[in-house]
Amino acid sequence: MTSQTSSDCLFCKIVAGEIPGDRVAESERSIAFRDIKPAAPVHVLVVPRRHEPTVGALAAASDVDLADVFRLAAQVADQEGVPDAYRMIVNTGSAAGQTVFHAHVHVLAGVAFTEGRMV
């Protein structure tokens, strides 16, 4: 797994405002911004302000931050008009498709998902 520190982490730079991101929501502990390569009409990333490489590492470090990510994800779905029709995806590790090693959740909606169609 690729390791990133907060100083070289893309999402940390977006959180800090060093790199622009299309923010759609934020809380004291997390921010949400649109994915630059959306896989669905609604595709928002929810990231903790705290740098941890994976959701598992975030859970081990701070259950409060982990819970906040999921609360903000639900808020984003509500804001986007899909409170009862969205999917959340977490990729852990490069073999699972994780490319930025800062914990994050993808909130996807706007298409009909089926059991065989993940995105």
PDB file of N, CA and C in Angstrom:
ATOM      1  N   MET A   1       0.843  -1.183   0.000  1.00  0.00           N
ATOM      2  CA  MET A   1       0.000   0.000   0.000  1.00  0.00           C
ATOM      3  C   MET A   1       0.883   1.240   0.000  1.00  0.00           C
ATOM      4  N   THR A   2       0.485   2.225  -0.776  1.00  0.00           N
ATOM      5  CA  THR A   2       1.193   3.499  -0.813  1.00  0.00           C
ATOM      6  C   THR A   2       0.874   4.278   0.451  1.00  0.00           C
ATOM      7  N   SER A   3       1.893   4.835   1.063  1.00  0.00           N
ATOM      8  CA  SER A   3       1.685   5.619   2.275  1.00  0.00           C
ATOM      9  C   SER A   3       1.808   7.098   1.953  1.00  0.00           C
ATOM     10  N   GLN A   4       0.909   7.897   2.470  1.00  0.00           N
ATOM     11  CA  GLN A   4       0.960   9.336   2.277  1.00  0.00           C
ATOM     12  C   GLN A   4       0.900  10.016   3.624  1.00  0.00           C
ATOM     13  N   THR A   5       1.682  11.023   3.789  1.00  0.00           N
ATOM     14  CA  THR A   5       1.569  11.859   4.979  1.00  0.00           C
ATOM     15  C   THR A   5       0.669  13.020   4.635  1.00  0.00           C
ATOM     16  N   SER A   6       0.254  13.743   5.630  1.00  0.00           N
ATOM     17  CA  SER A   6      -0.640  14.860   5.358  1.00  0.00           C
ATOM     18  C   SER A   6       0.007  15.910   4.459  1.00  0.00           C
ATOM     19  N   SER A   7       1.328  16.022   4.459  1.00  0.00           N
ATOM     20  CA  SER A   7       1.988  17.045   3.641  1.00  0.00           C
ATOM     21  C   SER A   7       1.968  16.716   2.146  1.00  0.00           C
ATOM     22  N   ASP A   8       1.833  15.443   1.780  1.00  0.00           N
ATOM     23  CA  ASP A   8       1.792  15.104   0.355  1.00  0.00           C
ATOM     24  C   ASP A   8       0.455  14.489  -0.062  1.00  0.00           C
ATOM     25  N   CYS A   9      -0.553  14.655   0.751  1.00  0.00           N
ATOM     26  CA  CYS A   9      -1.867  14.059   0.502  1.00  0.00           C
ATOM     27  C   CYS A   9      -2.784  15.045  -0.229  1.00  0.00           C
ATOM     28  N   LEU A  10      -3.294  14.619  -1.366  1.00  0.00           N
ATOM     29  CA  LEU A  10      -4.198  15.446  -2.160  1.00  0.00           C
ATOM     30  C   LEU A  10      -5.413  15.887  -1.347  1.00  0.00           C
ATOM     31  N   PHE A  11      -6.035  14.959  -0.630  1.00  0.00           N
ATOM     32  CA  PHE A  11      -7.240  15.317   0.119  1.00  0.00           C
ATOM     33  C   PHE A  11      -6.925  16.248   1.277  1.00  0.00           C
ATOM     34  N   CYS A  12      -5.768  16.091   1.911  1.00  0.00           N
ATOM     35  CA  CYS A  12      -5.378  17.033   2.972  1.00  0.00           C
ATOM     36  C   CYS A  12      -5.236  18.436   2.395  1.00  0.00           C
ATOM     37  N   LYS A  13      -4.720  18.533   1.173  1.00  0.00           N
ATOM     38  CA  LYS A  13      -4.568  19.844   0.530  1.00  0.00           C
ATOM     39  C   LYS A  13      -5.923  20.447   0.184  1.00  0.00           C
ATOM     40  N   ILE A  14      -6.888  19.619  -0.202  1.00  0.00           N
ATOM     41  CA  ILE A  14      -8.250  20.114  -0.458  1.00  0.00           C
ATOM     42  C   ILE A  14      -8.885  20.561   0.854  1.00  0.00           C
ATOM     43  N   VAL A  15      -8.730  19.767   1.903  1.00  0.00           N
ATOM     44  CA  VAL A  15      -9.261  20.133   3.224  1.00  0.00           C
ATOM     45  C   VAL A  15      -8.689  21.470   3.669  1.00  0.00           C
ATOM     46  N   ALA A  16      -7.388  21.672   3.459  1.00  0.00           N
ATOM     47  CA  ALA A  16      -6.715  22.897   3.891  1.00  0.00           C
ATOM     48  C   ALA A  16      -6.997  24.090   2.978  1.00  0.00           C
ATOM     49  N   GLY A  17      -7.638  23.855   1.826  1.00  0.00           N
ATOM     50  CA  GLY A  17      -7.917  24.936   0.897  1.00  0.00           C
ATOM     51  C   GLY A  17      -6.743  25.275  -0.007  1.00  0.00           C
ATOM     52  N   GLU A  18      -5.691  24.450   0.009  1.00  0.00           N
ATOM     53  CA  GLU A  18      -4.526  24.678  -0.841  1.00  0.00           C
ATOM     54  C   GLU A  18      -4.810  24.307  -2.293  1.00  0.00           C
ATOM     55  N   ILE A  19      -5.721  23.378  -2.492  1.00  0.00           N
ATOM     56  CA  ILE A  19      -6.165  22.954  -3.822  1.00  0.00           C
ATOM     57  C   ILE A  19      -7.681  23.123  -3.834  1.00  0.00           C
ATOM     58  N   PRO A  20      -8.231  23.710  -4.906  1.00  0.00           N
ATOM     59  CA  PRO A  20      -9.682  23.897  -4.925  1.00  0.00           C
ATOM     60  C   PRO A  20     -10.430  22.572  -5.032  1.00  0.00           C
ATOM     61  N   GLY A  21     -11.575  22.531  -4.412  1.00  0.00           N
ATOM     62  CA  GLY A  21     -12.485  21.395  -4.509  1.00  0.00           C
ATOM     63  C   GLY A  21     -13.894  21.950  -4.523  1.00  0.00           C
ATOM     64  N   ASP A  22     -14.782  21.310  -5.236  1.00  0.00           N
ATOM     65  CA  ASP A  22     -16.178  21.764  -5.309  1.00  0.00           C
ATOM     66  C   ASP A  22     -16.911  21.247  -4.073  1.00  0.00           C
ATOM     67  N   ARG A  23     -16.753  21.990  -2.965  1.00  0.00           N
ATOM     68  CA  ARG A  23     -17.338  21.580  -1.680  1.00  0.00           C
ATOM     69  C   ARG A  23     -18.855  21.680  -1.723  1.00  0.00           C
ATOM     70  N   VAL A  24     -19.491  20.651  -1.196  1.00  0.00           N
ATOM     71  CA  VAL A  24     -20.953  20.651  -1.137  1.00  0.00           C
ATOM     72  C   VAL A  24     -21.467  20.655   0.293  1.00  0.00           C
ATOM     73  N   ALA A  25     -20.626  20.275   1.248  1.00  0.00           N
ATOM     74  CA  ALA A  25     -21.036  20.266   2.659  1.00  0.00           C
ATOM     75  C   ALA A  25     -19.787  20.130   3.519  1.00  0.00           C
ATOM     76  N   GLU A  26     -19.923  20.527   4.764  1.00  0.00           N
ATOM     77  CA  GLU A  26     -18.829  20.310   5.701  1.00  0.00           C
ATOM     78  C   GLU A  26     -19.344  20.346   7.121  1.00  0.00           C
ATOM     79  N   SER A  27     -18.555  19.745   7.981  1.00  0.00           N
ATOM     80  CA  SER A  27     -18.824  19.764   9.409  1.00  0.00           C
ATOM     81  C   SER A  27     -17.500  20.122  10.086  1.00  0.00           C
ATOM     82  N   GLU A  28     -17.511  20.134  11.373  1.00  0.00           N
ATOM     83  CA  GLU A  28     -16.285  20.429  12.104  1.00  0.00           C
ATOM     84  C   GLU A  28     -15.210  19.380  11.824  1.00  0.00           C
ATOM     85  N   ARG A  29     -15.620  18.137  11.562  1.00  0.00           N
ATOM     86  CA  ARG A  29     -14.668  17.036  11.431  1.00  0.00           C
ATOM     87  C   ARG A  29     -14.492  16.493  10.015  1.00  0.00           C
ATOM     88  N   SER A  30     -15.365  16.860   9.072  1.00  0.00           N
ATOM     89  CA  SER A  30     -15.339  16.276   7.730  1.00  0.00           C
ATOM     90  C   SER A  30     -15.720  17.304   6.678  1.00  0.00           C
ATOM     91  N   ILE A  31     -15.332  17.033   5.439  1.00  0.00           N
ATOM     92  CA  ILE A  31     -15.802  17.848   4.316  1.00  0.00           C
ATOM     93  C   ILE A  31     -16.277  16.911   3.207  1.00  0.00           C
ATOM     94  N   ALA A  32     -17.125  17.449   2.342  1.00  0.00           N
ATOM     95  CA  ALA A  32     -17.648  16.704   1.203  1.00  0.00           C
ATOM     96  C   ALA A  32     -17.460  17.552  -0.045  1.00  0.00           C
ATOM     97  N   PHE A  33     -16.951  16.923  -1.105  1.00  0.00           N
ATOM     98  CA  PHE A  33     -16.742  17.645  -2.356  1.00  0.00           C
ATOM     99  C   PHE A  33     -16.995  16.702  -3.525  1.00  0.00           C
ATOM    100  N   ARG A  34     -17.330  17.286  -4.671  1.00  0.00           N
ATOM    101  CA  ARG A  34     -17.650  16.487  -5.859  1.00  0.00           C
ATOM    102  C   ARG A  34     -16.397  15.808  -6.405  1.00  0.00           C
ATOM    103  N   ASP A  35     -16.570  14.578  -6.851  1.00  0.00           N
ATOM    104  CA  ASP A  35     -15.480  13.825  -7.461  1.00  0.00           C
ATOM    105  C   ASP A  35     -15.175  14.441  -8.828  1.00  0.00           C
ATOM    106  N   ILE A  36     -13.894  14.570  -9.167  1.00  0.00           N
ATOM    107  CA  ILE A  36     -13.537  15.171 -10.460  1.00  0.00           C
ATOM    108  C   ILE A  36     -13.755  14.213 -11.628  1.00  0.00           C
ATOM    109  N   LYS A  37     -13.923  12.926 -11.349  1.00  0.00           N
ATOM    110  CA  LYS A  37     -14.226  11.932 -12.383  1.00  0.00           C
ATOM    111  C   LYS A  37     -15.458  11.153 -11.939  1.00  0.00           C
ATOM    112  N   PRO A  38     -16.636  11.775 -12.005  1.00  0.00           N
ATOM    113  CA  PRO A  38     -17.830  11.122 -11.454  1.00  0.00           C
ATOM    114  C   PRO A  38     -18.203   9.828 -12.173  1.00  0.00           C
ATOM    115  N   ALA A  39     -18.606   8.848 -11.363  1.00  0.00           N
ATOM    116  CA  ALA A  39     -19.054   7.560 -11.878  1.00  0.00           C
ATOM    117  C   ALA A  39     -20.580   7.476 -11.898  1.00  0.00           C
ATOM    118  N   ALA A  40     -21.246   8.546 -11.449  1.00  0.00           N
ATOM    119  CA  ALA A  40     -22.711   8.622 -11.420  1.00  0.00           C
ATOM    120  C   ALA A  40     -23.074  10.103 -11.433  1.00  0.00           C
ATOM    121  N   PRO A  41     -24.327  10.423 -11.762  1.00  0.00           N
ATOM    122  CA  PRO A  41     -24.730  11.838 -11.763  1.00  0.00           C
ATOM    123  C   PRO A  41     -24.446  12.550 -10.433  1.00  0.00           C
ATOM    124  N   VAL A  42     -24.639  11.867  -9.333  1.00  0.00           N
ATOM    125  CA  VAL A  42     -24.215  12.378  -8.028  1.00  0.00           C
ATOM    126  C   VAL A  42     -23.021  11.533  -7.608  1.00  0.00           C
ATOM    127  N   HIS A  43     -21.878  12.178  -7.421  1.00  0.00           N
ATOM    128  CA  HIS A  43     -20.682  11.472  -6.960  1.00  0.00           C
ATOM    129  C   HIS A  43     -19.889  12.442  -6.096  1.00  0.00           C
ATOM    130  N   VAL A  44     -20.041  12.265  -4.801  1.00  0.00           N
ATOM    131  CA  VAL A  44     -19.430  13.160  -3.822  1.00  0.00           C
ATOM    132  C   VAL A  44     -18.515  12.333  -2.926  1.00  0.00           C
ATOM    133  N   LEU A  45     -17.358  12.881  -2.623  1.00  0.00           N
ATOM    134  CA  LEU A  45     -16.434  12.245  -1.688  1.00  0.00           C
ATOM    135  C   LEU A  45     -16.587  12.908  -0.331  1.00  0.00           C
ATOM    136  N   VAL A  46     -16.655  12.116   0.703  1.00  0.00           N
ATOM    137  CA  VAL A  46     -16.713  12.632   2.075  1.00  0.00           C
ATOM    138  C   VAL A  46     -15.436  12.173   2.762  1.00  0.00           C
ATOM    139  N   VAL A  47     -14.662  13.140   3.257  1.00  0.00           N
ATOM    140  CA  VAL A  47     -13.368  12.842   3.856  1.00  0.00           C
ATOM    141  C   VAL A  47     -13.277  13.466   5.242  1.00  0.00           C
ATOM    142  N   PRO A  48     -12.632  12.781   6.158  1.00  0.00           N
ATOM    143  CA  PRO A  48     -12.398  13.397   7.457  1.00  0.00           C
ATOM    144  C   PRO A  48     -11.306  14.456   7.324  1.00  0.00           C
ATOM    145  N   ARG A  49     -11.371  15.471   8.148  1.00  0.00           N
ATOM    146  CA  ARG A  49     -10.290  16.463   8.169  1.00  0.00           C
ATOM    147  C   ARG A  49      -9.004  15.825   8.686  1.00  0.00           C
ATOM    148  N   ARG A  50      -9.152  14.846   9.541  1.00  0.00           N
ATOM    149  CA  ARG A  50      -8.016  14.110  10.110  1.00  0.00           C
ATOM    150  C   ARG A  50      -7.440  13.184   9.038  1.00  0.00           C
ATOM    151  N   HIS A  51      -6.129  13.160   8.891  1.00  0.00           N
ATOM    152  CA  HIS A  51      -5.500  12.272   7.914  1.00  0.00           C
ATOM    153  C   HIS A  51      -5.293  10.883   8.509  1.00  0.00           C
ATOM    154  N   GLU A  52      -5.965   9.925   7.923  1.00  0.00           N
ATOM    155  CA  GLU A  52      -5.736   8.504   8.172  1.00  0.00           C
ATOM    156  C   GLU A  52      -5.794   7.850   6.800  1.00  0.00           C
ATOM    157  N   PRO A  53      -4.967   6.857   6.531  1.00  0.00           N
ATOM    158  CA  PRO A  53      -4.882   6.322   5.170  1.00  0.00           C
ATOM    159  C   PRO A  53      -6.106   5.532   4.693  1.00  0.00           C
ATOM    160  N   THR A  54      -6.839   4.910   5.608  1.00  0.00           N
ATOM    161  CA  THR A  54      -7.988   4.085   5.224  1.00  0.00           C
ATOM    162  C   THR A  54      -9.120   4.287   6.227  1.00  0.00           C
ATOM    163  N   VAL A  55     -10.303   3.833   5.858  1.00  0.00           N
ATOM    164  CA  VAL A  55     -11.437   3.914   6.782  1.00  0.00           C
ATOM    165  C   VAL A  55     -11.176   3.036   8.008  1.00  0.00           C
ATOM    166  N   GLY A  56     -10.532   1.901   7.824  1.00  0.00           N
ATOM    167  CA  GLY A  56     -10.190   1.043   8.962  1.00  0.00           C
ATOM    168  C   GLY A  56      -9.257   1.742   9.930  1.00  0.00           C
ATOM    169  N   ALA A  57      -8.258   2.445   9.396  1.00  0.00           N
ATOM    170  CA  ALA A  57      -7.336   3.204  10.249  1.00  0.00           C
ATOM    171  C   ALA A  57      -8.073   4.343  10.941  1.00  0.00           C
ATOM    172  N   LEU A  58      -9.011   4.969  10.243  1.00  0.00           N
ATOM    173  CA  LEU A  58      -9.806   6.037  10.858  1.00  0.00           C
ATOM    174  C   LEU A  58     -10.643   5.475  12.000  1.00  0.00           C
ATOM    175  N   ALA A  59     -11.255   4.325  11.788  1.00  0.00           N
ATOM    176  CA  ALA A  59     -12.066   3.698  12.837  1.00  0.00           C
ATOM    177  C   ALA A  59     -11.223   3.390  14.071  1.00  0.00           C
ATOM    178  N   ALA A  60     -10.002   2.916  13.860  1.00  0.00           N
ATOM    179  CA  ALA A  60      -9.120   2.600  14.980  1.00  0.00           C
ATOM    180  C   ALA A  60      -8.655   3.860  15.704  1.00  0.00           C
ATOM    181  N   ALA A  61      -8.491   4.957  14.959  1.00  0.00           N
ATOM    182  CA  ALA A  61      -7.967   6.195  15.538  1.00  0.00           C
ATOM    183  C   ALA A  61      -9.046   7.042  16.195  1.00  0.00           C
ATOM    184  N   SER A  62     -10.251   7.072  15.588  1.00  0.00           N
ATOM    185  CA  SER A  62     -11.285   7.970  16.104  1.00  0.00           C
ATOM    186  C   SER A  62     -12.666   7.548  15.646  1.00  0.00           C
ATOM    187  N   ASP A  63     -13.391   6.881  16.528  1.00  0.00           N
ATOM    188  CA  ASP A  63     -14.762   6.505  16.159  1.00  0.00           C
ATOM    189  C   ASP A  63     -15.640   7.739  15.975  1.00  0.00           C
ATOM    190  N   VAL A  64     -15.304   8.836  16.625  1.00  0.00           N
ATOM    191  CA  VAL A  64     -16.061  10.083  16.468  1.00  0.00           C
ATOM    192  C   VAL A  64     -15.896  10.619  15.042  1.00  0.00           C
ATOM    193  N   ASP A  65     -14.661  10.639  14.531  1.00  0.00           N
ATOM    194  CA  ASP A  65     -14.430  11.099  13.158  1.00  0.00           C
ATOM    195  C   ASP A  65     -15.083  10.164  12.148  1.00  0.00           C
ATOM    196  N   LEU A  66     -15.001   8.861  12.388  1.00  0.00           N
ATOM    197  CA  LEU A  66     -15.628   7.901  11.486  1.00  0.00           C
ATOM    198  C   LEU A  66     -17.141   8.124  11.428  1.00  0.00           C
ATOM    199  N   ALA A  67     -17.765   8.266  12.574  1.00  0.00           N
ATOM    200  CA  ALA A  67     -19.211   8.498  12.612  1.00  0.00           C
ATOM    201  C   ALA A  67     -19.575   9.793  11.891  1.00  0.00           C
ATOM    202  N   ASP A  68     -18.743  10.812  12.043  1.00  0.00           N
ATOM    203  CA  ASP A  68     -19.026  12.092  11.397  1.00  0.00           C
ATOM    204  C   ASP A  68     -18.992  11.976   9.875  1.00  0.00           C
ATOM    205  N   VAL A  69     -18.067  11.188   9.343  1.00  0.00           N
ATOM    206  CA  VAL A  69     -18.008  10.975   7.894  1.00  0.00           C
ATOM    207  C   VAL A  69     -19.334  10.398   7.404  1.00  0.00           C
ATOM    208  N   PHE A  70     -19.861   9.411   8.108  1.00  0.00           N
ATOM    209  CA  PHE A  70     -21.111   8.787   7.670  1.00  0.00           C
ATOM    210  C   PHE A  70     -22.323   9.697   7.900  1.00  0.00           C
ATOM    211  N   ARG A  71     -22.300  10.497   8.961  1.00  0.00           N
ATOM    212  CA  ARG A  71     -23.366  11.490   9.154  1.00  0.00           C
ATOM    213  C   ARG A  71     -23.374  12.503   8.023  1.00  0.00           C
ATOM    214  N   LEU A  72     -22.184  12.993   7.653  1.00  0.00           N
ATOM    215  CA  LEU A  72     -22.108  13.978   6.576  1.00  0.00           C
ATOM    216  C   LEU A  72     -22.503  13.345   5.240  1.00  0.00           C
ATOM    217  N   ALA A  73     -22.171  12.083   5.027  1.00  0.00           N
ATOM    218  CA  ALA A  73     -22.583  11.391   3.799  1.00  0.00           C
ATOM    219  C   ALA A  73     -24.108  11.369   3.687  1.00  0.00           C
ATOM    220  N   ALA A  74     -24.791  11.075   4.774  1.00  0.00           N
ATOM    221  CA  ALA A  74     -26.260  11.079   4.768  1.00  0.00           C
ATOM    222  C   ALA A  74     -26.796  12.479   4.513  1.00  0.00           C
ATOM    223  N   GLN A  75     -26.155  13.478   5.084  1.00  0.00           N
ATOM    224  CA  GLN A  75     -26.560  14.873   4.859  1.00  0.00           C
ATOM    225  C   GLN A  75     -26.390  15.242   3.380  1.00  0.00           C
ATOM    226  N   VAL A  76     -25.290  14.819   2.779  1.00  0.00           N
ATOM    227  CA  VAL A  76     -25.052  15.087   1.361  1.00  0.00           C
ATOM    228  C   VAL A  76     -26.146  14.448   0.516  1.00  0.00           C
ATOM    229  N   ALA A  77     -26.481  13.192   0.798  1.00  0.00           N
ATOM    230  CA  ALA A  77     -27.541  12.520   0.037  1.00  0.00           C
ATOM    231  C   ALA A  77     -28.854  13.287   0.147  1.00  0.00           C
ATOM    232  N   ASP A  78     -29.163  13.763   1.328  1.00  0.00           N
ATOM    233  CA  ASP A  78     -30.376  14.556   1.524  1.00  0.00           C
ATOM    234  C   ASP A  78     -30.314  15.848   0.708  1.00  0.00           C
ATOM    235  N   GLN A  79     -29.194  16.562   0.804  1.00  0.00           N
ATOM    236  CA  GLN A  79     -29.013  17.810   0.054  1.00  0.00           C
ATOM    237  C   GLN A  79     -29.137  17.600  -1.448  1.00  0.00           C
ATOM    238  N   GLU A  80     -28.622  16.474  -1.922  1.00  0.00           N
ATOM    239  CA  GLU A  80     -28.630  16.177  -3.353  1.00  0.00           C
ATOM    240  C   GLU A  80     -29.979  15.636  -3.822  1.00  0.00           C
ATOM    241  N   GLY A  81     -30.926  15.490  -2.907  1.00  0.00           N
ATOM    242  CA  GLY A  81     -32.267  15.048  -3.260  1.00  0.00           C
ATOM    243  C   GLY A  81     -32.420  13.552  -3.415  1.00  0.00           C
ATOM    244  N   VAL A  82     -31.506  12.793  -2.805  1.00  0.00           N
ATOM    245  CA  VAL A  82     -31.552  11.335  -2.922  1.00  0.00           C
ATOM    246  C   VAL A  82     -31.447  10.666  -1.543  1.00  0.00           C
ATOM    247  N   PRO A  83     -32.241  11.115  -0.570  1.00  0.00           N
ATOM    248  CA  PRO A  83     -32.063  10.596   0.791  1.00  0.00           C
ATOM    249  C   PRO A  83     -32.351   9.114   0.944  1.00  0.00           C
ATOM    250  N   ASP A  84     -33.100   8.531   0.005  1.00  0.00           N
ATOM    251  CA  ASP A  84     -33.454   7.114   0.096  1.00  0.00           C
ATOM    252  C   ASP A  84     -32.962   6.307  -1.094  1.00  0.00           C
ATOM    253  N   ALA A  85     -32.025   6.858  -1.874  1.00  0.00           N
ATOM    254  CA  ALA A  85     -31.584   6.149  -3.080  1.00  0.00           C
ATOM    255  C   ALA A  85     -30.129   6.482  -3.403  1.00  0.00           C
ATOM    256  N   TYR A  86     -29.229   6.117  -2.504  1.00  0.00           N
ATOM    257  CA  TYR A  86     -27.813   6.364  -2.753  1.00  0.00           C
ATOM    258  C   TYR A  86     -26.989   5.176  -2.299  1.00  0.00           C
ATOM    259  N   ARG A  87     -25.793   5.120  -2.812  1.00  0.00           N
ATOM    260  CA  ARG A  87     -24.860   4.058  -2.470  1.00  0.00           C
ATOM    261  C   ARG A  87     -23.605   4.702  -1.908  1.00  0.00           C
ATOM    262  N   MET A  88     -23.039   4.078  -0.877  1.00  0.00           N
ATOM    263  CA  MET A  88     -21.761   4.519  -0.336  1.00  0.00           C
ATOM    264  C   MET A  88     -20.742   3.419  -0.605  1.00  0.00           C
ATOM    265  N   ILE A  89     -19.585   3.823  -1.116  1.00  0.00           N
ATOM    266  CA  ILE A  89     -18.529   2.867  -1.426  1.00  0.00           C
ATOM    267  C   ILE A  89     -17.244   3.316  -0.741  1.00  0.00           C
ATOM    268  N   VAL A  90     -16.557   2.364  -0.142  1.00  0.00           N
ATOM    269  CA  VAL A  90     -15.250   2.600   0.463  1.00  0.00           C
ATOM    270  C   VAL A  90     -14.271   1.624  -0.177  1.00  0.00           C
ATOM    271  N   ASN A  91     -13.214   2.152  -0.779  1.00  0.00           N
ATOM    272  CA  ASN A  91     -12.145   1.316  -1.330  1.00  0.00           C
ATOM    273  C   ASN A  91     -11.005   1.311  -0.321  1.00  0.00           C
ATOM    274  N   THR A  92     -10.514   0.133   0.010  1.00  0.00           N
ATOM    275  CA  THR A  92      -9.405   0.018   0.955  1.00  0.00           C
ATOM    276  C   THR A  92      -8.267  -0.735   0.295  1.00  0.00           C
ATOM    277  N   GLY A  93      -7.184  -0.030   0.029  1.00  0.00           N
ATOM    278  CA  GLY A  93      -6.008  -0.617  -0.598  1.00  0.00           C
ATOM    279  C   GLY A  93      -6.031  -0.470  -2.108  1.00  0.00           C
ATOM    280  N   SER A  94      -4.851  -0.442  -2.694  1.00  0.00           N
ATOM    281  CA  SER A  94      -4.747  -0.239  -4.136  1.00  0.00           C
ATOM    282  C   SER A  94      -5.415  -1.359  -4.927  1.00  0.00           C
ATOM    283  N   ALA A  95      -5.375  -2.590  -4.432  1.00  0.00           N
ATOM    284  CA  ALA A  95      -6.011  -3.697  -5.144  1.00  0.00           C
ATOM    285  C   ALA A  95      -7.534  -3.560  -5.183  1.00  0.00           C
ATOM    286  N   ALA A  96      -8.085  -2.770  -4.274  1.00  0.00           N
ATOM    287  CA  ALA A  96      -9.526  -2.520  -4.248  1.00  0.00           C
ATOM    288  C   ALA A  96      -9.889  -1.211  -4.954  1.00  0.00           C
ATOM    289  N   GLY A  97      -8.895  -0.534  -5.522  1.00  0.00           N
ATOM    290  CA  GLY A  97      -9.170   0.682  -6.276  1.00  0.00           C
ATOM    291  C   GLY A  97      -8.902   1.984  -5.532  1.00  0.00           C
ATOM    292  N   GLN A  98      -8.355   1.907  -4.318  1.00  0.00           N
ATOM    293  CA  GLN A  98      -8.045   3.140  -3.598  1.00  0.00           C
ATOM    294  C   GLN A  98      -6.829   3.786  -4.243  1.00  0.00           C
ATOM    295  N   THR A  99      -6.965   5.054  -4.629  1.00  0.00           N
ATOM    296  CA  THR A  99      -5.857   5.766  -5.273  1.00  0.00           C
ATOM    297  C   THR A  99      -5.337   6.917  -4.423  1.00  0.00           C
ATOM    298  N   VAL A 100      -6.163   7.429  -3.532  1.00  0.00           N
ATOM    299  CA  VAL A 100      -5.723   8.470  -2.600  1.00  0.00           C
ATOM    300  C   VAL A 100      -5.805   7.853  -1.212  1.00  0.00           C
ATOM    301  N   PHE A 101      -4.683   7.797  -0.538  1.00  0.00           N
ATOM    302  CA  PHE A 101      -4.629   7.120   0.751  1.00  0.00           C
ATOM    303  C   PHE A 101      -4.899   8.088   1.898  1.00  0.00           C
ATOM    304  N   HIS A 102      -6.134   8.591   1.873  1.00  0.00           N
ATOM    305  CA  HIS A 102      -6.749   9.396   2.926  1.00  0.00           C
ATOM    306  C   HIS A 102      -8.157   8.820   3.012  1.00  0.00           C
ATOM    307  N   ALA A 103      -8.555   8.392   4.171  1.00  0.00           N
ATOM    308  CA  ALA A 103      -9.873   7.760   4.327  1.00  0.00           C
ATOM    309  C   ALA A 103     -10.949   8.595   3.636  1.00  0.00           C
ATOM    310  N   HIS A 104     -11.840   7.938   2.925  1.00  0.00           N
ATOM    311  CA  HIS A 104     -12.945   8.646   2.280  1.00  0.00           C
ATOM    312  C   HIS A 104     -14.047   7.671   1.881  1.00  0.00           C
ATOM    313  N   VAL A 105     -15.236   8.241   1.735  1.00  0.00           N
ATOM    314  CA  VAL A 105     -16.417   7.493   1.331  1.00  0.00           C
ATOM    315  C   VAL A 105     -16.961   8.144   0.065  1.00  0.00           C
ATOM    316  N   HIS A 106     -17.270   7.329  -0.929  1.00  0.00           N
ATOM    317  CA  HIS A 106     -17.918   7.814  -2.152  1.00  0.00           C
ATOM    318  C   HIS A 106     -19.427   7.736  -1.931  1.00  0.00           C
ATOM    319  N   VAL A 107     -20.131   8.814  -2.195  1.00  0.00           N
ATOM    320  CA  VAL A 107     -21.592   8.832  -2.169  1.00  0.00           C
ATOM    321  C   VAL A 107     -22.030   8.938  -3.623  1.00  0.00           C
ATOM    322  N   LEU A 108     -22.728   7.900  -4.109  1.00  0.00           N
ATOM    323  CA  LEU A 108     -23.151   7.849  -5.505  1.00  0.00           C
ATOM    324  C   LEU A 108     -24.668   7.729  -5.596  1.00  0.00           C
ATOM    325  N   ALA A 109     -25.241   8.416  -6.579  1.00  0.00           N
ATOM    326  CA  ALA A 109     -26.689   8.357  -6.789  1.00  0.00           C
ATOM    327  C   ALA A 109     -27.017   8.898  -8.172  1.00  0.00           C
ATOM    328  N   GLY A 110     -28.275   8.791  -8.516  1.00  0.00           N
ATOM    329  CA  GLY A 110     -28.747   9.350  -9.777  1.00  0.00           C
ATOM    330  C   GLY A 110     -28.877   8.329 -10.889  1.00  0.00           C
ATOM    331  N   VAL A 111     -28.552   7.083 -10.593  1.00  0.00           N
ATOM    332  CA  VAL A 111     -28.747   5.982 -11.530  1.00  0.00           C
ATOM    333  C   VAL A 111     -29.352   4.825 -10.749  1.00  0.00           C
ATOM    334  N   ALA A 112     -29.972   3.905 -11.475  1.00  0.00           N
ATOM    335  CA  ALA A 112     -30.530   2.730 -10.811  1.00  0.00           C
ATOM    336  C   ALA A 112     -29.412   1.725 -10.572  1.00  0.00           C
ATOM    337  N   PHE A 113     -29.140   1.435  -9.317  1.00  0.00           N
ATOM    338  CA  PHE A 113     -28.140   0.436  -8.974  1.00  0.00           C
ATOM    339  C   PHE A 113     -28.841  -0.909  -8.830  1.00  0.00           C
ATOM    340  N   THR A 114     -28.186  -1.945  -9.297  1.00  0.00           N
ATOM    341  CA  THR A 114     -28.706  -3.277  -9.135  1.00  0.00           C
ATOM    342  C   THR A 114     -27.682  -4.094  -8.382  1.00  0.00           C
ATOM    343  N   GLU A 115     -28.035  -5.272  -7.994  1.00  0.00           N
ATOM    344  CA  GLU A 115     -27.107  -6.114  -7.235  1.00  0.00           C
ATOM    345  C   GLU A 115     -25.812  -6.345  -7.997  1.00  0.00           C
ATOM    346  N   GLY A 116     -25.881  -6.488  -9.301  1.00  0.00           N
ATOM    347  CA  GLY A 116     -24.677  -6.745 -10.094  1.00  0.00           C
ATOM    348  C   GLY A 116     -23.959  -5.494 -10.568  1.00  0.00           C
ATOM    349  N   ARG A 117     -24.548  -4.330 -10.350  1.00  0.00           N
ATOM    350  CA  ARG A 117     -23.956  -3.071 -10.799  1.00  0.00           C
ATOM    351  C   ARG A 117     -23.548  -2.244  -9.594  1.00  0.00           C
ATOM    352  N   MET A 118     -22.255  -2.230  -9.291  1.00  0.00           N
ATOM    353  CA  MET A 118     -21.783  -1.469  -8.120  1.00  0.00           C
ATOM    354  C   MET A 118     -21.755   0.025  -8.386  1.00  0.00           C
ATOM    355  N   VAL A 119     -21.419   0.437  -9.590  1.00  0.00           N
ATOM    356  CA  VAL A 119     -21.420   1.864  -9.944  1.00  0.00           C
ATOM    357  C   VAL A 119     -22.000   2.047 -11.314  1.00  0.00           C
TER     358      VAL A 119
END
